[in-house]
Amino acid sequence: MTDPRTHVVQASRALAVAGLGDMVWGHASVRDPEGRGVWMKASGWGFEEIDDDKVVLVSPAGVVLDGTGRRHLEYPIHTAIMAERPDVGSVVHTHAPALSAFASLNCDIRPISHDGVMFAYSRLPRFTETGALIDTHDLGDALATTLGDAAAVLIPNHGAVTVGPDVATAVMYSVLLERACRTQLMSLSAGGPKTWSSESETEYKRSQVWNPTQIQAGFDYLLRSAERGSDVPCPGETGAGPR
């Protein structure tokens, strides 16, 4: 069995190379296989800086059970969702710019591109109880309730959370959500989208385009990019390089 620290390191490096970092804020977690809580990125470090020594095991009560780092204040995001959703093995929280801008518009994601199909047709709830930090058990529980059985939830004036059975899925959903939001913002700036996939086509594309094999392929690409030290181009960019 792979050490859960390795999964957190991989998630963090992939999120960094995909451009979803926010200096030292944002975090990824995996469920502890022994049921003690969640392994997550330690506070005070950027995604690209995470290694085994910068991963901590946090109990549902917020106690650091393993590791020498500090926990993030928003650990309830992870512990509450894990408690509510036994199917979730990994949780990612980011403050990526496009999704934050899109969240402020209070409109639905349209499946304009492949990226949006996982979140279209009422599959992207918004948590509106607060735009501040999710730093209490009550707020964590409320966020988990709003998420429901969806793959992601927007937090207007804050960011978003994505979930999956494993780190590859949770990370890729974060990447896809940011890309989908950016694509729709581009379309809106040009007068608004005039066409997008129907609900039936969208349902088909969820399994055709984003089946587990394709999700893993995308995640593996991000890991290879991280090893090369290169960034992944965002929609509308012509290339990538060190930043």
C-alpha atoms as a PDB file:
ATOM      1  CA  MET A   1       0.000   0.000   0.000  1.00  0.00           C
ATOM      2  CA  THR A   2       1.331   3.434  -0.965  1.00  0.00           C
ATOM      3  CA  ASP A   3       2.154   5.700   1.959  1.00  0.00           C
ATOM      4  CA  PRO A   4      -0.632   8.334   2.186  1.00  0.00           C
ATOM      5  CA  ARG A   5       2.062  10.994   2.447  1.00  0.00           C
ATOM      6  CA  THR A   6       3.102  10.117  -1.098  1.00  0.00           C
ATOM      7  CA  HIS A   7      -0.432  10.703  -2.341  1.00  0.00           C
ATOM      8  CA  VAL A   8      -0.562  14.140  -0.689  1.00  0.00           C
ATOM      9  CA  VAL A   9       2.812  15.055  -2.174  1.00  0.00           C
ATOM     10  CA  GLN A  10       1.674  13.962  -5.630  1.00  0.00           C
ATOM     11  CA  ALA A  11      -1.600  15.879  -5.341  1.00  0.00           C
ATOM     12  CA  SER A  12       0.228  19.020  -4.234  1.00  0.00           C
ATOM     13  CA  ARG A  13       2.843  18.853  -6.989  1.00  0.00           C
ATOM     14  CA  ALA A  14       0.155  18.265  -9.629  1.00  0.00           C
ATOM     15  CA  LEU A  15      -1.926  21.198  -8.392  1.00  0.00           C
ATOM     16  CA  ALA A  16       1.154  23.415  -8.428  1.00  0.00           C
ATOM     17  CA  VAL A  17       2.156  22.593 -11.989  1.00  0.00           C
ATOM     18  CA  ALA A  18      -1.443  23.096 -13.122  1.00  0.00           C
ATOM     19  CA  GLY A  19      -1.284  26.664 -11.802  1.00  0.00           C
ATOM     20  CA  LEU A  20      -3.787  26.202  -8.968  1.00  0.00           C
ATOM     21  CA  GLY A  21      -1.548  27.425  -6.172  1.00  0.00           C
ATOM     22  CA  ASP A  22      -2.163  30.517  -4.045  1.00  0.00           C
ATOM     23  CA  MET A  23       1.213  31.071  -2.384  1.00  0.00           C
ATOM     24  CA  VAL A  24       0.954  29.019   0.849  1.00  0.00           C
ATOM     25  CA  TRP A  25      -2.852  28.677   0.863  1.00  0.00           C
ATOM     26  CA  GLY A  26      -5.012  25.869  -0.472  1.00  0.00           C
ATOM     27  CA  HIS A  27      -4.651  22.224   0.506  1.00  0.00           C
ATOM     28  CA  ALA A  28      -5.143  18.615  -0.525  1.00  0.00           C
ATOM     29  CA  SER A  29      -5.889  15.607   1.651  1.00  0.00           C
ATOM     30  CA  VAL A  30      -6.337  11.839   1.567  1.00  0.00           C
ATOM     31  CA  ARG A  31      -8.284   9.622   3.932  1.00  0.00           C
ATOM     32  CA  ASP A  32      -6.177   7.831   6.547  1.00  0.00           C
ATOM     33  CA  PRO A  33      -6.409   4.090   5.777  1.00  0.00           C
ATOM     34  CA  GLU A  34      -6.575   3.344   9.510  1.00  0.00           C
ATOM     35  CA  GLY A  35      -9.516   5.688  10.080  1.00  0.00           C
ATOM     36  CA  ARG A  36      -7.664   8.171  12.264  1.00  0.00           C
ATOM     37  CA  GLY A  37      -8.489  11.264  10.191  1.00  0.00           C
ATOM     38  CA  VAL A  38      -6.922  12.829   7.088  1.00  0.00           C
ATOM     39  CA  TRP A  39      -3.397  13.244   5.787  1.00  0.00           C
ATOM     40  CA  MET A  40      -3.016  16.730   4.368  1.00  0.00           C
ATOM     41  CA  LYS A  41      -0.554  19.351   3.286  1.00  0.00           C
ATOM     42  CA  ALA A  42       0.993  21.192   6.227  1.00  0.00           C
ATOM     43  CA  SER A  43       0.290  24.884   6.723  1.00  0.00           C
ATOM     44  CA  GLY A  44       2.815  27.508   5.646  1.00  0.00           C
ATOM     45  CA  TRP A  45       4.012  25.855   2.440  1.00  0.00           C
ATOM     46  CA  GLY A  46       3.112  26.194  -1.216  1.00  0.00           C
ATOM     47  CA  PHE A  47       1.909  23.216  -3.228  1.00  0.00           C
ATOM     48  CA  GLU A  48       5.221  23.008  -5.090  1.00  0.00           C
ATOM     49  CA  GLU A  49       7.176  22.817  -1.815  1.00  0.00           C
ATOM     50  CA  ILE A  50       5.444  19.780  -0.353  1.00  0.00           C
ATOM     51  CA  ASP A  51       7.421  16.645   0.430  1.00  0.00           C
ATOM     52  CA  ASP A  52       6.926  13.840   2.965  1.00  0.00           C
ATOM     53  CA  ASP A  53       8.142  16.043   5.821  1.00  0.00           C
ATOM     54  CA  LYS A  54       5.463  18.658   5.073  1.00  0.00           C
ATOM     55  CA  VAL A  55       2.445  16.335   5.401  1.00  0.00           C
ATOM     56  CA  VAL A  56       0.496  15.907   8.636  1.00  0.00           C
ATOM     57  CA  LEU A  57      -2.144  13.500   9.924  1.00  0.00           C
ATOM     58  CA  VAL A  58      -5.049  15.474  11.395  1.00  0.00           C
ATOM     59  CA  SER A  59      -7.782  13.919  13.528  1.00  0.00           C
ATOM     60  CA  PRO A  60     -11.452  14.924  13.175  1.00  0.00           C
ATOM     61  CA  ALA A  61     -10.946  17.001  16.329  1.00  0.00           C
ATOM     62  CA  GLY A  62      -8.068  18.903  14.703  1.00  0.00           C
ATOM     63  CA  VAL A  63      -5.222  17.236  16.601  1.00  0.00           C
ATOM     64  CA  VAL A  64      -2.014  16.623  14.650  1.00  0.00           C
ATOM     65  CA  LEU A  65      -1.374  12.926  15.230  1.00  0.00           C
ATOM     66  CA  ASP A  66       1.656  12.508  12.996  1.00  0.00           C
ATOM     67  CA  GLY A  67       4.109  14.868  11.336  1.00  0.00           C
ATOM     68  CA  THR A  68       5.932  17.913  12.623  1.00  0.00           C
ATOM     69  CA  GLY A  69       4.135  20.642  10.714  1.00  0.00           C
ATOM     70  CA  ARG A  70       1.143  22.804  11.611  1.00  0.00           C
ATOM     71  CA  ARG A  71      -2.323  21.997  10.335  1.00  0.00           C
ATOM     72  CA  HIS A  72      -4.362  24.382   8.217  1.00  0.00           C
ATOM     73  CA  LEU A  73      -7.205  26.213   9.962  1.00  0.00           C
ATOM     74  CA  GLU A  74      -9.583  24.834   7.349  1.00  0.00           C
ATOM     75  CA  TYR A  75      -9.024  21.169   8.162  1.00  0.00           C
ATOM     76  CA  PRO A  76     -12.822  20.827   8.828  1.00  0.00           C
ATOM     77  CA  ILE A  77     -13.359  21.024   5.059  1.00  0.00           C
ATOM     78  CA  HIS A  78     -11.588  17.701   4.748  1.00  0.00           C
ATOM     79  CA  THR A  79     -12.665  15.887   7.890  1.00  0.00           C
ATOM     80  CA  ALA A  80     -16.347  16.809   7.534  1.00  0.00           C
ATOM     81  CA  ILE A  81     -16.554  15.751   3.892  1.00  0.00           C
ATOM     82  CA  MET A  82     -14.754  12.482   4.633  1.00  0.00           C
ATOM     83  CA  ALA A  83     -17.225  11.796   7.447  1.00  0.00           C
ATOM     84  CA  GLU A  84     -20.244  12.573   5.267  1.00  0.00           C
ATOM     85  CA  ARG A  85     -19.017  10.847   2.104  1.00  0.00           C
ATOM     86  CA  PRO A  86     -17.535   7.348   2.592  1.00  0.00           C
ATOM     87  CA  ASP A  87     -16.968   7.221  -1.191  1.00  0.00           C
ATOM     88  CA  VAL A  88     -14.508  10.135  -1.007  1.00  0.00           C
ATOM     89  CA  GLY A  89     -10.845   9.297  -0.595  1.00  0.00           C
ATOM     90  CA  SER A  90      -9.372  12.716  -1.395  1.00  0.00           C
ATOM     91  CA  VAL A  91     -10.396  16.366  -1.025  1.00  0.00           C
ATOM     92  CA  VAL A  92      -8.846  19.436  -2.684  1.00  0.00           C
ATOM     93  CA  HIS A  93      -9.425  23.095  -1.795  1.00  0.00           C
ATOM     94  CA  THR A  94      -8.113  25.888  -4.018  1.00  0.00           C
ATOM     95  CA  HIS A  95      -8.545  29.629  -4.555  1.00  0.00           C
ATOM     96  CA  ALA A  96      -7.908  29.576  -8.305  1.00  0.00           C
ATOM     97  CA  PRO A  97      -8.691  32.910 -10.018  1.00  0.00           C
ATOM     98  CA  ALA A  98     -11.097  31.842 -12.762  1.00  0.00           C
ATOM     99  CA  LEU A  99     -13.317  29.762 -10.508  1.00  0.00           C
ATOM    100  CA  SER A 100     -13.383  32.574  -7.959  1.00  0.00           C
ATOM    101  CA  ALA A 101     -14.417  35.054 -10.648  1.00  0.00           C
ATOM    102  CA  PHE A 102     -17.040  32.685 -12.016  1.00  0.00           C
ATOM    103  CA  ALA A 103     -18.460  31.986  -8.544  1.00  0.00           C
ATOM    104  CA  SER A 104     -19.253  35.697  -8.202  1.00  0.00           C
ATOM    105  CA  LEU A 105     -21.548  35.643 -11.244  1.00  0.00           C
ATOM    106  CA  ASN A 106     -24.121  33.316  -9.677  1.00  0.00           C
ATOM    107  CA  CYS A 107     -24.776  31.507 -12.952  1.00  0.00           C
ATOM    108  CA  ASP A 108     -24.571  27.867 -13.959  1.00  0.00           C
ATOM    109  CA  ILE A 109     -21.643  26.177 -15.648  1.00  0.00           C
ATOM    110  CA  ARG A 110     -22.428  25.343 -19.261  1.00  0.00           C
ATOM    111  CA  PRO A 111     -20.730  22.348 -20.908  1.00  0.00           C
ATOM    112  CA  ILE A 112     -19.075  24.539 -23.531  1.00  0.00           C
ATOM    113  CA  SER A 113     -16.000  22.299 -23.554  1.00  0.00           C
ATOM    114  CA  HIS A 114     -15.125  18.832 -22.285  1.00  0.00           C
ATOM    115  CA  ASP A 115     -13.939  20.462 -19.056  1.00  0.00           C
ATOM    116  CA  GLY A 116     -17.424  21.512 -17.989  1.00  0.00           C
ATOM    117  CA  VAL A 117     -19.293  18.252 -18.357  1.00  0.00           C
ATOM    118  CA  MET A 118     -18.588  17.023 -14.821  1.00  0.00           C
ATOM    119  CA  PHE A 119     -20.219  20.127 -13.327  1.00  0.00           C
ATOM    120  CA  ALA A 120     -23.057  21.030 -15.700  1.00  0.00           C
ATOM    121  CA  TYR A 121     -26.801  20.650 -15.249  1.00  0.00           C
ATOM    122  CA  SER A 122     -27.119  21.360 -11.523  1.00  0.00           C
ATOM    123  CA  ARG A 123     -24.015  19.410 -10.532  1.00  0.00           C
ATOM    124  CA  LEU A 124     -22.101  22.420  -9.136  1.00  0.00           C
ATOM    125  CA  PRO A 125     -23.666  23.670  -5.882  1.00  0.00           C
ATOM    126  CA  ARG A 126     -22.668  26.943  -4.204  1.00  0.00           C
ATOM    127  CA  PHE A 127     -21.951  27.262  -0.491  1.00  0.00           C
ATOM    128  CA  THR A 128     -23.250  30.681   0.564  1.00  0.00           C
ATOM    129  CA  GLU A 129     -23.229  30.501   4.357  1.00  0.00           C
ATOM    130  CA  THR A 130     -19.891  32.317   4.463  1.00  0.00           C
ATOM    131  CA  GLY A 131     -17.078  33.414   2.196  1.00  0.00           C
ATOM    132  CA  ALA A 132     -14.652  33.415   5.130  1.00  0.00           C
ATOM    133  CA  LEU A 133     -12.511  30.491   6.278  1.00  0.00           C
ATOM    134  CA  ILE A 134     -14.215  27.148   6.916  1.00  0.00           C
ATOM    135  CA  ASP A 135     -12.554  26.802  10.304  1.00  0.00           C
ATOM    136  CA  THR A 136     -15.227  25.248  12.539  1.00  0.00           C
ATOM    137  CA  HIS A 137     -16.894  21.859  12.679  1.00  0.00           C
ATOM    138  CA  ASP A 138     -20.293  23.449  12.067  1.00  0.00           C
ATOM    139  CA  LEU A 139     -19.110  25.192   8.895  1.00  0.00           C
ATOM    140  CA  GLY A 140     -17.384  22.017   7.721  1.00  0.00           C
ATOM    141  CA  ASP A 141     -20.593  20.042   8.229  1.00  0.00           C
ATOM    142  CA  ALA A 142     -22.620  22.709   6.415  1.00  0.00           C
ATOM    143  CA  LEU A 143     -20.203  22.666   3.489  1.00  0.00           C
ATOM    144  CA  ALA A 144     -20.385  18.870   3.293  1.00  0.00           C
ATOM    145  CA  THR A 145     -24.180  19.067   3.274  1.00  0.00           C
ATOM    146  CA  THR A 146     -24.141  21.613   0.445  1.00  0.00           C
ATOM    147  CA  LEU A 147     -21.706  19.463  -1.544  1.00  0.00           C
ATOM    148  CA  GLY A 148     -24.077  16.509  -1.258  1.00  0.00           C
ATOM    149  CA  ASP A 149     -23.170  13.850  -3.804  1.00  0.00           C
ATOM    150  CA  ALA A 150     -21.575  16.317  -6.248  1.00  0.00           C
ATOM    151  CA  ALA A 151     -17.956  16.306  -7.383  1.00  0.00           C
ATOM    152  CA  ALA A 152     -17.359  19.954  -6.503  1.00  0.00           C
ATOM    153  CA  VAL A 153     -18.768  22.937  -4.669  1.00  0.00           C
ATOM    154  CA  LEU A 154     -18.097  26.625  -5.291  1.00  0.00           C
ATOM    155  CA  ILE A 155     -17.573  28.938  -2.313  1.00  0.00           C
ATOM    156  CA  PRO A 156     -18.308  32.460  -3.596  1.00  0.00           C
ATOM    157  CA  ASN A 157     -15.829  35.111  -2.411  1.00  0.00           C
ATOM    158  CA  HIS A 158     -13.433  32.327  -1.421  1.00  0.00           C
ATOM    159  CA  GLY A 159     -12.718  29.385  -3.768  1.00  0.00           C
ATOM    160  CA  ALA A 160     -13.882  25.845  -4.381  1.00  0.00           C
ATOM    161  CA  VAL A 161     -13.635  22.266  -3.163  1.00  0.00           C
ATOM    162  CA  THR A 162     -13.413  19.146  -5.304  1.00  0.00           C
ATOM    163  CA  VAL A 163     -13.604  15.522  -4.202  1.00  0.00           C
ATOM    164  CA  GLY A 164     -12.939  12.071  -5.606  1.00  0.00           C
ATOM    165  CA  PRO A 165     -12.315   8.474  -4.665  1.00  0.00           C
ATOM    166  CA  ASP A 166      -8.565   9.097  -5.058  1.00  0.00           C
ATOM    167  CA  VAL A 167      -6.113  11.942  -5.475  1.00  0.00           C
ATOM    168  CA  ALA A 168      -6.035  11.646  -9.269  1.00  0.00           C
ATOM    169  CA  THR A 169      -9.763  12.306  -9.479  1.00  0.00           C
ATOM    170  CA  ALA A 170      -9.933  15.076  -6.882  1.00  0.00           C
ATOM    171  CA  VAL A 171      -6.992  16.899  -8.465  1.00  0.00           C
ATOM    172  CA  MET A 172      -8.223  16.495 -12.020  1.00  0.00           C
ATOM    173  CA  TYR A 173     -11.660  17.783 -11.030  1.00  0.00           C
ATOM    174  CA  SER A 174      -9.952  20.897  -9.634  1.00  0.00           C
ATOM    175  CA  VAL A 175      -8.082  21.359 -12.898  1.00  0.00           C
ATOM    176  CA  LEU A 176     -11.209  20.779 -14.989  1.00  0.00           C
ATOM    177  CA  LEU A 177     -13.297  23.135 -12.867  1.00  0.00           C
ATOM    178  CA  GLU A 178     -10.809  25.977 -13.223  1.00  0.00           C
ATOM    179  CA  ARG A 179     -10.574  25.397 -16.990  1.00  0.00           C
ATOM    180  CA  ALA A 180     -14.366  25.224 -17.357  1.00  0.00           C
ATOM    181  CA  CYS A 181     -14.805  28.469 -15.449  1.00  0.00           C
ATOM    182  CA  ARG A 182     -12.107  30.199 -17.494  1.00  0.00           C
ATOM    183  CA  THR A 183     -13.639  29.014 -20.768  1.00  0.00           C
ATOM    184  CA  GLN A 184     -17.075  30.273 -19.794  1.00  0.00           C
ATOM    185  CA  LEU A 185     -15.668  33.620 -18.652  1.00  0.00           C
ATOM    186  CA  MET A 186     -13.974  33.958 -22.055  1.00  0.00           C
ATOM    187  CA  SER A 187     -17.257  33.165 -23.774  1.00  0.00           C
ATOM    188  CA  LEU A 188     -19.159  35.659 -21.637  1.00  0.00           C
ATOM    189  CA  SER A 189     -16.627  38.367 -22.444  1.00  0.00           C
ATOM    190  CA  ALA A 190     -17.321  37.764 -26.141  1.00  0.00           C
ATOM    191  CA  GLY A 191     -21.071  38.151 -25.764  1.00  0.00           C
ATOM    192  CA  GLY A 192     -22.024  34.865 -24.143  1.00  0.00           C
ATOM    193  CA  PRO A 193     -22.108  31.250 -25.325  1.00  0.00           C
ATOM    194  CA  LYS A 194     -24.558  30.415 -28.094  1.00  0.00           C
ATOM    195  CA  THR A 195     -24.144  26.643 -27.994  1.00  0.00           C
ATOM    196  CA  TRP A 196     -23.158  23.915 -25.544  1.00  0.00           C
ATOM    197  CA  SER A 197     -23.684  20.175 -25.117  1.00  0.00           C
ATOM    198  CA  SER A 198     -27.198  18.968 -24.397  1.00  0.00           C
ATOM    199  CA  GLU A 199     -27.917  17.206 -21.117  1.00  0.00           C
ATOM    200  CA  SER A 200     -27.939  13.796 -22.810  1.00  0.00           C
ATOM    201  CA  GLU A 201     -24.650  14.434 -24.607  1.00  0.00           C
ATOM    202  CA  THR A 202     -23.142  15.766 -21.394  1.00  0.00           C
ATOM    203  CA  GLU A 203     -24.148  12.624 -19.520  1.00  0.00           C
ATOM    204  CA  TYR A 204     -22.542  10.486 -22.235  1.00  0.00           C
ATOM    205  CA  LYS A 205     -19.355  12.553 -22.241  1.00  0.00           C
ATOM    206  CA  ARG A 206     -18.896  12.142 -18.496  1.00  0.00           C
ATOM    207  CA  SER A 207     -18.088   8.468 -19.016  1.00  0.00           C
ATOM    208  CA  GLN A 208     -16.619   8.777 -22.495  1.00  0.00           C
ATOM    209  CA  VAL A 209     -14.245  11.677 -21.915  1.00  0.00           C
ATOM    210  CA  TRP A 210     -13.619  11.495 -18.175  1.00  0.00           C
ATOM    211  CA  ASN A 211     -13.638   7.804 -17.357  1.00  0.00           C
ATOM    212  CA  PRO A 212     -11.072   6.605 -14.762  1.00  0.00           C
ATOM    213  CA  THR A 213      -8.498   5.794 -17.457  1.00  0.00           C
ATOM    214  CA  GLN A 214      -8.636   9.314 -18.878  1.00  0.00           C
ATOM    215  CA  ILE A 215      -8.606  10.882 -15.412  1.00  0.00           C
ATOM    216  CA  GLN A 216      -5.484   8.900 -14.530  1.00  0.00           C
ATOM    217  CA  ALA A 217      -3.834   9.820 -17.833  1.00  0.00           C
ATOM    218  CA  GLY A 218      -4.352  13.519 -17.123  1.00  0.00           C
ATOM    219  CA  PHE A 219      -3.034  13.185 -13.589  1.00  0.00           C
ATOM    220  CA  ASP A 220       0.031  11.246 -14.754  1.00  0.00           C
ATOM    221  CA  TYR A 221       0.750  14.028 -17.245  1.00  0.00           C
ATOM    222  CA  LEU A 222       0.648  16.599 -14.456  1.00  0.00           C
ATOM    223  CA  LEU A 223       3.074  14.512 -12.399  1.00  0.00           C
ATOM    224  CA  ARG A 224       5.456  14.203 -15.351  1.00  0.00           C
ATOM    225  CA  SER A 225       5.217  17.957 -15.892  1.00  0.00           C
ATOM    226  CA  ALA A 226       6.045  18.524 -12.225  1.00  0.00           C
ATOM    227  CA  GLU A 227       9.107  16.302 -12.532  1.00  0.00           C
ATOM    228  CA  ARG A 228      10.258  18.315 -15.549  1.00  0.00           C
ATOM    229  CA  GLY A 229       9.698  21.550 -13.660  1.00  0.00           C
ATOM    230  CA  SER A 230       7.345  22.961 -16.300  1.00  0.00           C
ATOM    231  CA  ASP A 231       3.888  24.512 -16.040  1.00  0.00           C
ATOM    232  CA  VAL A 232       0.828  23.251 -17.881  1.00  0.00           C
ATOM    233  CA  PRO A 233      -0.568  25.771 -20.394  1.00  0.00           C
ATOM    234  CA  CYS A 234      -3.925  27.269 -19.456  1.00  0.00           C
ATOM    235  CA  PRO A 235      -6.626  27.795 -22.095  1.00  0.00           C
ATOM    236  CA  GLY A 236      -5.661  30.753 -24.249  1.00  0.00           C
ATOM    237  CA  GLU A 237      -1.936  30.470 -23.472  1.00  0.00           C
ATOM    238  CA  THR A 238       0.521  29.491 -26.175  1.00  0.00           C
ATOM    239  CA  GLY A 239       2.985  27.682 -23.985  1.00  0.00           C
ATOM    240  CA  ALA A 240       4.341  27.110 -20.523  1.00  0.00           C
ATOM    241  CA  GLY A 241       7.573  27.560 -18.740  1.00  0.00           C
ATOM    242  CA  PRO A 242       9.086  28.249 -15.351  1.00  0.00           C
ATOM    243  CA  ARG A 243       7.397  30.989 -13.336  1.00  0.00           C
END
